[in-house]
Amino acid sequence: MPNIVLSRIDERLVHGQVGVQWVGFAGANLVLVANDEVAEDSIQQNLMEMVLAEGIDIRFWPLQKVIDNIHRAADRQKILIVCKTPGDFRKLVEGGVPIARINVGNMHYAEGKKQIHKTVSVNAEDVRDFQALREKGVECYIQGVPTEPALDVYPLL
């Protein structure tokens, strides 16, 4: 079983908050960016790599590669998985990736979305994906930084 120490939804994927605060808090030594587009975009990858401290590895994998390979992870790898959307995590969970809790970080407001927390806005598709995760027994909680209290996302939907 892979040693997944944190799973986080963040539209920005890896930035200072994730690369410094969450990596340190979770004790991660590997950040796994699960995103089909970024897996093909070396410019975005280079920007994200610059955020991480020396000694923290990073991988940029499409969702299917995560599903196909996560179970090969070594025990010494303490993995922080970051995705852009609840739909990405839904695909991972439905594909057999053992995720029990998801930290919901930044889901920006846009037209057609409803703001449910200061940093989290959802559309109908997001709500469906969160509900599917709930049905799979996955806990989802809003927590921008480790020092903030965690807030259950489900009652806010």
N, C-alpha and C. Protein backbone atom coordinates (compact mmCIF):
# COMPACT_ATOMS: atom_id res chain seq x y z
N MET A 1 0.84 -1.19 0.00
CA MET A 1 0.00 0.00 0.00
C MET A 1 0.89 1.24 0.00
N PRO A 2 0.62 2.20 -0.90
CA PRO A 2 1.43 3.41 -0.95
C PRO A 2 1.23 4.25 0.32
N ASN A 3 2.28 4.94 0.70
CA ASN A 3 2.25 5.78 1.89
C ASN A 3 1.85 7.20 1.50
N ILE A 4 0.55 7.41 1.35
CA ILE A 4 0.02 8.72 0.97
C ILE A 4 -0.22 9.51 2.26
N VAL A 5 0.59 10.55 2.47
CA VAL A 5 0.51 11.31 3.72
C VAL A 5 -0.46 12.49 3.62
N LEU A 6 -0.77 12.93 2.41
CA LEU A 6 -1.74 14.02 2.24
C LEU A 6 -2.23 14.02 0.80
N SER A 7 -3.52 14.24 0.64
CA SER A 7 -4.13 14.43 -0.67
C SER A 7 -4.79 15.80 -0.63
N ARG A 8 -4.50 16.64 -1.63
CA ARG A 8 -4.99 18.03 -1.60
C ARG A 8 -5.53 18.46 -2.95
N ILE A 9 -6.68 19.14 -2.91
CA ILE A 9 -7.22 19.81 -4.08
C ILE A 9 -6.72 21.24 -4.03
N ASP A 10 -6.05 21.66 -5.10
CA ASP A 10 -5.59 23.03 -5.18
C ASP A 10 -5.46 23.39 -6.66
N GLU A 11 -6.27 24.34 -7.12
CA GLU A 11 -6.24 24.70 -8.53
C GLU A 11 -4.87 25.18 -8.98
N ARG A 12 -4.08 25.69 -8.04
CA ARG A 12 -2.73 26.17 -8.39
C ARG A 12 -1.70 25.04 -8.34
N LEU A 13 -2.13 23.87 -7.91
CA LEU A 13 -1.27 22.69 -7.76
C LEU A 13 -0.14 22.99 -6.78
N VAL A 14 1.09 23.13 -7.24
CA VAL A 14 2.20 23.35 -6.31
C VAL A 14 2.62 24.82 -6.35
N HIS A 15 2.51 25.47 -5.20
CA HIS A 15 2.92 26.86 -5.02
C HIS A 15 3.48 26.95 -3.60
N GLY A 16 3.77 28.12 -3.12
CA GLY A 16 4.42 28.26 -1.82
C GLY A 16 3.70 27.57 -0.68
N GLN A 17 2.39 27.74 -0.62
CA GLN A 17 1.61 27.15 0.47
C GLN A 17 1.73 25.62 0.48
N VAL A 18 1.63 25.01 -0.68
CA VAL A 18 1.73 23.55 -0.78
C VAL A 18 3.19 23.11 -0.63
N GLY A 19 4.07 23.77 -1.38
CA GLY A 19 5.47 23.36 -1.43
C GLY A 19 6.24 23.53 -0.14
N VAL A 20 5.80 24.45 0.70
CA VAL A 20 6.51 24.69 1.95
C VAL A 20 5.68 24.20 3.14
N GLN A 21 4.51 24.82 3.35
CA GLN A 21 3.74 24.50 4.55
C GLN A 21 3.20 23.07 4.57
N TRP A 22 2.52 22.66 3.50
CA TRP A 22 1.89 21.34 3.53
C TRP A 22 2.90 20.20 3.42
N VAL A 23 3.93 20.38 2.61
CA VAL A 23 4.96 19.34 2.51
C VAL A 23 5.61 19.12 3.88
N GLY A 24 5.95 20.21 4.55
CA GLY A 24 6.56 20.10 5.87
C GLY A 24 5.62 19.52 6.91
N PHE A 25 4.39 20.01 6.93
CA PHE A 25 3.39 19.55 7.90
C PHE A 25 3.13 18.05 7.75
N ALA A 26 3.01 17.60 6.51
CA ALA A 26 2.69 16.19 6.25
C ALA A 26 3.91 15.28 6.32
N GLY A 27 5.11 15.88 6.31
CA GLY A 27 6.32 15.07 6.30
C GLY A 27 6.55 14.38 4.97
N ALA A 28 6.06 14.98 3.89
CA ALA A 28 6.19 14.38 2.56
C ALA A 28 7.62 14.51 2.04
N ASN A 29 8.05 13.49 1.30
CA ASN A 29 9.33 13.59 0.60
C ASN A 29 9.15 13.44 -0.92
N LEU A 30 7.88 13.29 -1.33
CA LEU A 30 7.55 13.19 -2.75
C LEU A 30 6.21 13.89 -3.00
N VAL A 31 6.20 14.84 -3.91
CA VAL A 31 4.97 15.48 -4.33
C VAL A 31 4.59 14.89 -5.67
N LEU A 32 3.38 14.37 -5.74
CA LEU A 32 2.88 13.77 -6.97
C LEU A 32 1.76 14.66 -7.51
N VAL A 33 2.05 15.36 -8.59
CA VAL A 33 1.07 16.21 -9.25
C VAL A 33 0.32 15.33 -10.24
N ALA A 34 -0.95 15.08 -9.94
CA ALA A 34 -1.78 14.22 -10.78
C ALA A 34 -2.65 15.10 -11.65
N ASN A 35 -2.18 15.34 -12.88
CA ASN A 35 -2.90 16.24 -13.77
C ASN A 35 -2.47 15.95 -15.21
N ASP A 36 -3.45 15.68 -16.05
CA ASP A 36 -3.16 15.31 -17.44
C ASP A 36 -2.43 16.42 -18.20
N GLU A 37 -2.85 17.68 -18.03
CA GLU A 37 -2.23 18.78 -18.77
C GLU A 37 -0.82 19.08 -18.31
N VAL A 38 -0.64 19.18 -17.01
CA VAL A 38 0.68 19.54 -16.47
C VAL A 38 1.70 18.43 -16.76
N ALA A 39 1.24 17.20 -16.87
CA ALA A 39 2.16 16.10 -17.18
C ALA A 39 2.83 16.30 -18.53
N GLU A 40 2.22 17.14 -19.38
CA GLU A 40 2.76 17.40 -20.72
C GLU A 40 3.36 18.80 -20.86
N ASP A 41 3.41 19.57 -19.78
CA ASP A 41 3.80 20.98 -19.87
C ASP A 41 5.07 21.26 -19.06
N SER A 42 6.20 21.25 -19.73
CA SER A 42 7.48 21.41 -19.03
C SER A 42 7.64 22.79 -18.39
N ILE A 43 7.02 23.81 -18.93
CA ILE A 43 7.13 25.15 -18.34
C ILE A 43 6.44 25.18 -16.98
N GLN A 44 5.22 24.68 -16.90
CA GLN A 44 4.53 24.61 -15.60
C GLN A 44 5.30 23.73 -14.62
N GLN A 45 5.84 22.62 -15.11
CA GLN A 45 6.62 21.73 -14.25
C GLN A 45 7.82 22.46 -13.66
N ASN A 46 8.55 23.19 -14.49
CA ASN A 46 9.73 23.91 -14.01
C ASN A 46 9.37 24.93 -12.93
N LEU A 47 8.26 25.63 -13.12
CA LEU A 47 7.82 26.62 -12.12
C LEU A 47 7.50 25.94 -10.79
N MET A 48 6.84 24.80 -10.85
CA MET A 48 6.48 24.09 -9.62
C MET A 48 7.70 23.50 -8.93
N GLU A 49 8.64 23.01 -9.70
CA GLU A 49 9.86 22.43 -9.12
C GLU A 49 10.63 23.46 -8.30
N MET A 50 10.60 24.73 -8.73
CA MET A 50 11.36 25.77 -8.05
C MET A 50 10.85 26.05 -6.64
N VAL A 51 9.60 25.72 -6.36
CA VAL A 51 8.99 26.00 -5.07
C VAL A 51 9.48 25.04 -3.98
N LEU A 52 9.85 23.85 -4.37
CA LEU A 52 10.16 22.80 -3.40
C LEU A 52 11.57 22.91 -2.84
N ALA A 53 11.69 22.54 -1.58
CA ALA A 53 12.99 22.53 -0.92
C ALA A 53 13.85 21.41 -1.48
N GLU A 54 15.15 21.57 -1.32
CA GLU A 54 16.11 20.52 -1.71
C GLU A 54 15.73 19.22 -1.02
N GLY A 55 15.80 18.13 -1.74
CA GLY A 55 15.52 16.82 -1.15
C GLY A 55 14.08 16.36 -1.28
N ILE A 56 13.20 17.24 -1.76
CA ILE A 56 11.80 16.85 -1.99
C ILE A 56 11.66 16.53 -3.48
N ASP A 57 11.28 15.28 -3.77
CA ASP A 57 11.10 14.87 -5.16
C ASP A 57 9.71 15.28 -5.65
N ILE A 58 9.58 15.43 -6.95
CA ILE A 58 8.28 15.76 -7.54
C ILE A 58 8.11 14.96 -8.83
N ARG A 59 6.89 14.50 -9.06
CA ARG A 59 6.53 13.80 -10.29
C ARG A 59 5.30 14.47 -10.86
N PHE A 60 5.21 14.48 -12.18
CA PHE A 60 4.06 15.04 -12.88
C PHE A 60 3.47 13.92 -13.73
N TRP A 61 2.39 13.34 -13.25
CA TRP A 61 1.81 12.18 -13.93
C TRP A 61 0.36 12.46 -14.34
N PRO A 62 -0.02 11.93 -15.51
CA PRO A 62 -1.45 11.95 -15.85
C PRO A 62 -2.22 11.04 -14.88
N LEU A 63 -3.51 11.27 -14.76
CA LEU A 63 -4.32 10.52 -13.78
C LEU A 63 -4.20 9.00 -13.98
N GLN A 64 -4.25 8.53 -15.22
CA GLN A 64 -4.20 7.09 -15.46
C GLN A 64 -2.87 6.49 -15.02
N LYS A 65 -1.78 7.23 -15.17
CA LYS A 65 -0.47 6.73 -14.73
C LYS A 65 -0.44 6.59 -13.20
N VAL A 66 -1.09 7.52 -12.51
CA VAL A 66 -1.18 7.41 -11.05
C VAL A 66 -1.93 6.14 -10.68
N ILE A 67 -3.07 5.92 -11.31
CA ILE A 67 -3.88 4.73 -11.04
C ILE A 67 -3.08 3.46 -11.32
N ASP A 68 -2.34 3.44 -12.42
CA ASP A 68 -1.60 2.25 -12.83
C ASP A 68 -0.36 1.98 -12.00
N ASN A 69 0.23 3.03 -11.39
CA ASN A 69 1.54 2.88 -10.77
C ASN A 69 1.64 3.18 -9.28
N ILE A 70 0.64 3.76 -8.67
CA ILE A 70 0.75 4.19 -7.27
C ILE A 70 1.05 3.01 -6.33
N HIS A 71 0.56 1.85 -6.67
CA HIS A 71 0.76 0.70 -5.79
C HIS A 71 2.19 0.15 -5.83
N ARG A 72 3.00 0.70 -6.73
CA ARG A 72 4.42 0.31 -6.80
C ARG A 72 5.30 1.20 -5.93
N ALA A 73 4.72 2.20 -5.30
CA ALA A 73 5.51 3.14 -4.50
C ALA A 73 6.21 2.41 -3.36
N ALA A 74 7.43 2.84 -3.09
CA ALA A 74 8.21 2.27 -1.98
C ALA A 74 7.69 2.81 -0.66
N ASP A 75 7.83 2.02 0.40
CA ASP A 75 7.37 2.43 1.73
C ASP A 75 8.03 3.73 2.19
N ARG A 76 9.28 3.94 1.78
CA ARG A 76 10.02 5.14 2.21
C ARG A 76 9.49 6.41 1.57
N GLN A 77 8.70 6.26 0.50
CA GLN A 77 8.13 7.44 -0.16
C GLN A 77 6.91 7.91 0.62
N LYS A 78 6.98 9.13 1.12
CA LYS A 78 5.86 9.75 1.82
C LYS A 78 5.25 10.73 0.83
N ILE A 79 4.11 10.33 0.27
CA ILE A 79 3.56 10.98 -0.92
C ILE A 79 2.47 12.00 -0.58
N LEU A 80 2.64 13.20 -1.13
CA LEU A 80 1.60 14.22 -1.12
C LEU A 80 1.06 14.27 -2.55
N ILE A 81 -0.21 13.90 -2.71
CA ILE A 81 -0.84 13.96 -4.02
C ILE A 81 -1.62 15.26 -4.12
N VAL A 82 -1.44 15.98 -5.20
CA VAL A 82 -2.20 17.21 -5.42
C VAL A 82 -2.88 17.14 -6.79
N CYS A 83 -4.17 17.48 -6.79
CA CYS A 83 -4.99 17.54 -8.01
C CYS A 83 -5.67 18.90 -8.06
N LYS A 84 -6.17 19.26 -9.25
CA LYS A 84 -6.86 20.54 -9.40
C LYS A 84 -8.32 20.49 -8.97
N THR A 85 -8.97 19.34 -9.12
CA THR A 85 -10.42 19.29 -8.92
C THR A 85 -10.85 18.06 -8.13
N PRO A 86 -12.05 18.12 -7.55
CA PRO A 86 -12.59 16.91 -6.92
C PRO A 86 -12.83 15.81 -7.95
N GLY A 87 -13.10 16.20 -9.20
CA GLY A 87 -13.29 15.20 -10.26
C GLY A 87 -12.05 14.38 -10.51
N ASP A 88 -10.87 15.03 -10.42
CA ASP A 88 -9.62 14.28 -10.58
C ASP A 88 -9.46 13.26 -9.47
N PHE A 89 -9.76 13.68 -8.23
CA PHE A 89 -9.66 12.73 -7.12
C PHE A 89 -10.71 11.63 -7.24
N ARG A 90 -11.88 11.96 -7.74
CA ARG A 90 -12.91 10.94 -7.95
C ARG A 90 -12.38 9.86 -8.89
N LYS A 91 -11.74 10.28 -9.99
CA LYS A 91 -11.17 9.31 -10.94
C LYS A 91 -10.12 8.44 -10.26
N LEU A 92 -9.28 9.05 -9.45
CA LEU A 92 -8.23 8.29 -8.76
C LEU A 92 -8.84 7.27 -7.81
N VAL A 93 -9.80 7.71 -6.99
CA VAL A 93 -10.44 6.81 -6.02
C VAL A 93 -11.17 5.68 -6.74
N GLU A 94 -11.92 6.03 -7.78
CA GLU A 94 -12.65 5.00 -8.53
C GLU A 94 -11.69 4.07 -9.26
N GLY A 95 -10.46 4.53 -9.51
CA GLY A 95 -9.45 3.71 -10.15
C GLY A 95 -8.65 2.87 -9.17
N GLY A 96 -8.98 2.96 -7.87
CA GLY A 96 -8.33 2.10 -6.88
C GLY A 96 -7.21 2.74 -6.09
N VAL A 97 -7.00 4.04 -6.25
CA VAL A 97 -5.97 4.72 -5.45
C VAL A 97 -6.52 4.86 -4.02
N PRO A 98 -5.77 4.37 -3.02
CA PRO A 98 -6.29 4.35 -1.64
C PRO A 98 -6.21 5.73 -0.96
N ILE A 99 -7.25 6.52 -1.17
CA ILE A 99 -7.33 7.86 -0.58
C ILE A 99 -8.51 7.88 0.37
N ALA A 100 -8.25 8.19 1.64
CA ALA A 100 -9.31 8.20 2.65
C ALA A 100 -9.74 9.62 3.02
N ARG A 101 -8.82 10.59 2.86
CA ARG A 101 -9.10 11.98 3.24
C ARG A 101 -8.55 12.91 2.18
N ILE A 102 -9.30 13.96 1.89
CA ILE A 102 -8.83 14.96 0.93
C ILE A 102 -8.92 16.33 1.56
N ASN A 103 -7.79 17.02 1.54
CA ASN A 103 -7.70 18.40 2.01
C ASN A 103 -8.11 19.30 0.85
N VAL A 104 -9.13 20.11 1.06
CA VAL A 104 -9.62 21.00 0.01
C VAL A 104 -9.00 22.38 0.26
N GLY A 105 -8.17 22.80 -0.69
CA GLY A 105 -7.50 24.08 -0.56
C GLY A 105 -8.19 25.14 -1.39
N ASN A 106 -7.62 25.46 -2.53
CA ASN A 106 -8.12 26.55 -3.35
C ASN A 106 -8.91 26.05 -4.56
N MET A 107 -10.18 26.44 -4.59
CA MET A 107 -11.03 26.22 -5.75
C MET A 107 -11.65 27.58 -6.04
N HIS A 108 -11.06 28.30 -6.97
CA HIS A 108 -11.40 29.70 -7.20
C HIS A 108 -12.81 29.92 -7.73
N TYR A 109 -13.33 31.09 -7.41
CA TYR A 109 -14.64 31.49 -7.90
C TYR A 109 -14.56 31.81 -9.40
N ALA A 110 -15.57 31.40 -10.13
CA ALA A 110 -15.73 31.74 -11.54
C ALA A 110 -17.22 31.74 -11.83
N GLU A 111 -17.59 32.28 -12.97
CA GLU A 111 -19.01 32.31 -13.35
C GLU A 111 -19.57 30.88 -13.34
N GLY A 112 -20.74 30.73 -12.75
CA GLY A 112 -21.36 29.42 -12.67
C GLY A 112 -21.00 28.66 -11.40
N LYS A 113 -20.16 29.26 -10.56
CA LYS A 113 -19.78 28.62 -9.31
C LYS A 113 -20.42 29.34 -8.12
N LYS A 114 -20.59 28.60 -7.05
CA LYS A 114 -21.13 29.14 -5.81
C LYS A 114 -20.01 29.08 -4.76
N GLN A 115 -19.79 30.20 -4.10
CA GLN A 115 -18.76 30.24 -3.06
C GLN A 115 -19.32 29.60 -1.79
N ILE A 116 -18.62 28.57 -1.29
CA ILE A 116 -19.06 27.89 -0.06
C ILE A 116 -18.13 28.16 1.11
N HIS A 117 -16.97 28.76 0.82
CA HIS A 117 -15.99 29.12 1.84
C HIS A 117 -15.11 30.18 1.22
N LYS A 118 -14.32 30.86 2.01
CA LYS A 118 -13.54 31.99 1.47
C LYS A 118 -12.62 31.59 0.32
N THR A 119 -12.12 30.36 0.30
CA THR A 119 -11.21 29.93 -0.77
C THR A 119 -11.78 28.81 -1.63
N VAL A 120 -13.06 28.48 -1.43
CA VAL A 120 -13.63 27.33 -2.14
C VAL A 120 -14.95 27.70 -2.79
N SER A 121 -14.99 27.55 -4.11
CA SER A 121 -16.22 27.75 -4.89
C SER A 121 -16.44 26.50 -5.74
N VAL A 122 -17.70 26.11 -5.87
CA VAL A 122 -18.02 24.87 -6.56
C VAL A 122 -19.11 25.09 -7.61
N ASN A 123 -19.06 24.27 -8.66
CA ASN A 123 -20.16 24.24 -9.63
C ASN A 123 -20.89 22.90 -9.45
N ALA A 124 -21.89 22.67 -10.27
CA ALA A 124 -22.70 21.46 -10.14
C ALA A 124 -21.86 20.19 -10.31
N GLU A 125 -20.90 20.22 -11.22
CA GLU A 125 -20.04 19.06 -11.43
C GLU A 125 -19.18 18.77 -10.20
N ASP A 126 -18.63 19.83 -9.59
CA ASP A 126 -17.85 19.66 -8.36
C ASP A 126 -18.69 19.02 -7.26
N VAL A 127 -19.93 19.50 -7.12
CA VAL A 127 -20.83 18.96 -6.09
C VAL A 127 -21.07 17.47 -6.35
N ARG A 128 -21.32 17.10 -7.60
CA ARG A 128 -21.52 15.68 -7.94
C ARG A 128 -20.27 14.86 -7.60
N ASP A 129 -19.10 15.41 -7.90
CA ASP A 129 -17.86 14.68 -7.62
C ASP A 129 -17.63 14.54 -6.11
N PHE A 130 -17.89 15.60 -5.37
CA PHE A 130 -17.76 15.50 -3.90
C PHE A 130 -18.75 14.47 -3.35
N GLN A 131 -19.98 14.47 -3.86
CA GLN A 131 -20.97 13.50 -3.39
C GLN A 131 -20.53 12.06 -3.71
N ALA A 132 -19.93 11.86 -4.88
CA ALA A 132 -19.43 10.53 -5.24
C ALA A 132 -18.29 10.12 -4.30
N LEU A 133 -17.43 11.07 -3.95
CA LEU A 133 -16.35 10.77 -3.00
C LEU A 133 -16.93 10.41 -1.64
N ARG A 134 -17.95 11.15 -1.22
CA ARG A 134 -18.59 10.86 0.07
C ARG A 134 -19.15 9.44 0.07
N GLU A 135 -19.81 9.06 -1.04
CA GLU A 135 -20.37 7.71 -1.14
C GLU A 135 -19.29 6.63 -1.07
N LYS A 136 -18.07 6.98 -1.48
CA LYS A 136 -16.94 6.03 -1.41
C LYS A 136 -16.29 6.06 -0.03
N GLY A 137 -16.82 6.89 0.89
CA GLY A 137 -16.28 6.95 2.24
C GLY A 137 -15.08 7.86 2.40
N VAL A 138 -14.87 8.76 1.45
CA VAL A 138 -13.72 9.66 1.51
C VAL A 138 -14.11 10.92 2.27
N GLU A 139 -13.35 11.24 3.30
CA GLU A 139 -13.54 12.46 4.08
C GLU A 139 -12.94 13.63 3.30
N CYS A 140 -13.67 14.73 3.18
CA CYS A 140 -13.16 15.92 2.50
C CYS A 140 -13.32 17.11 3.45
N TYR A 141 -12.24 17.84 3.63
CA TYR A 141 -12.27 18.95 4.58
C TYR A 141 -11.50 20.15 4.02
N ILE A 142 -12.04 21.33 4.30
CA ILE A 142 -11.41 22.57 3.87
C ILE A 142 -10.40 22.99 4.94
N GLN A 143 -9.18 23.26 4.48
CA GLN A 143 -8.14 23.74 5.39
C GLN A 143 -7.06 24.38 4.52
N GLY A 144 -7.03 25.70 4.52
CA GLY A 144 -6.09 26.42 3.66
C GLY A 144 -4.64 26.19 4.04
N VAL A 145 -4.35 26.32 5.33
CA VAL A 145 -3.00 26.10 5.86
C VAL A 145 -3.10 25.22 7.09
N PRO A 146 -2.01 24.55 7.47
CA PRO A 146 -2.08 23.61 8.58
C PRO A 146 -2.52 24.22 9.91
N THR A 147 -2.34 25.51 10.11
CA THR A 147 -2.69 26.14 11.39
C THR A 147 -4.18 26.46 11.50
N GLU A 148 -4.92 26.39 10.39
CA GLU A 148 -6.36 26.63 10.43
C GLU A 148 -7.10 25.37 10.86
N PRO A 149 -8.25 25.53 11.49
CA PRO A 149 -9.05 24.33 11.81
C PRO A 149 -9.63 23.73 10.53
N ALA A 150 -9.77 22.42 10.51
CA ALA A 150 -10.35 21.72 9.37
C ALA A 150 -11.87 21.85 9.44
N LEU A 151 -12.51 22.01 8.27
CA LEU A 151 -13.95 22.21 8.18
C LEU A 151 -14.51 21.19 7.18
N ASP A 152 -15.43 20.37 7.62
CA ASP A 152 -16.06 19.36 6.76
C ASP A 152 -16.72 20.04 5.56
N VAL A 153 -16.38 19.63 4.36
CA VAL A 153 -16.93 20.26 3.16
C VAL A 153 -18.38 19.86 2.89
N TYR A 154 -18.77 18.66 3.29
CA TYR A 154 -20.06 18.12 2.87
C TYR A 154 -21.28 18.95 3.33
N PRO A 155 -21.34 19.43 4.57
CA PRO A 155 -22.50 20.24 4.96
C PRO A 155 -22.59 21.57 4.19
N LEU A 156 -21.51 22.03 3.60
CA LEU A 156 -21.49 23.31 2.90
C LEU A 156 -22.00 23.20 1.47
N LEU A 157 -22.09 21.98 0.95
CA LEU A 157 -22.50 21.79 -0.44
C LEU A 157 -23.98 22.06 -0.60
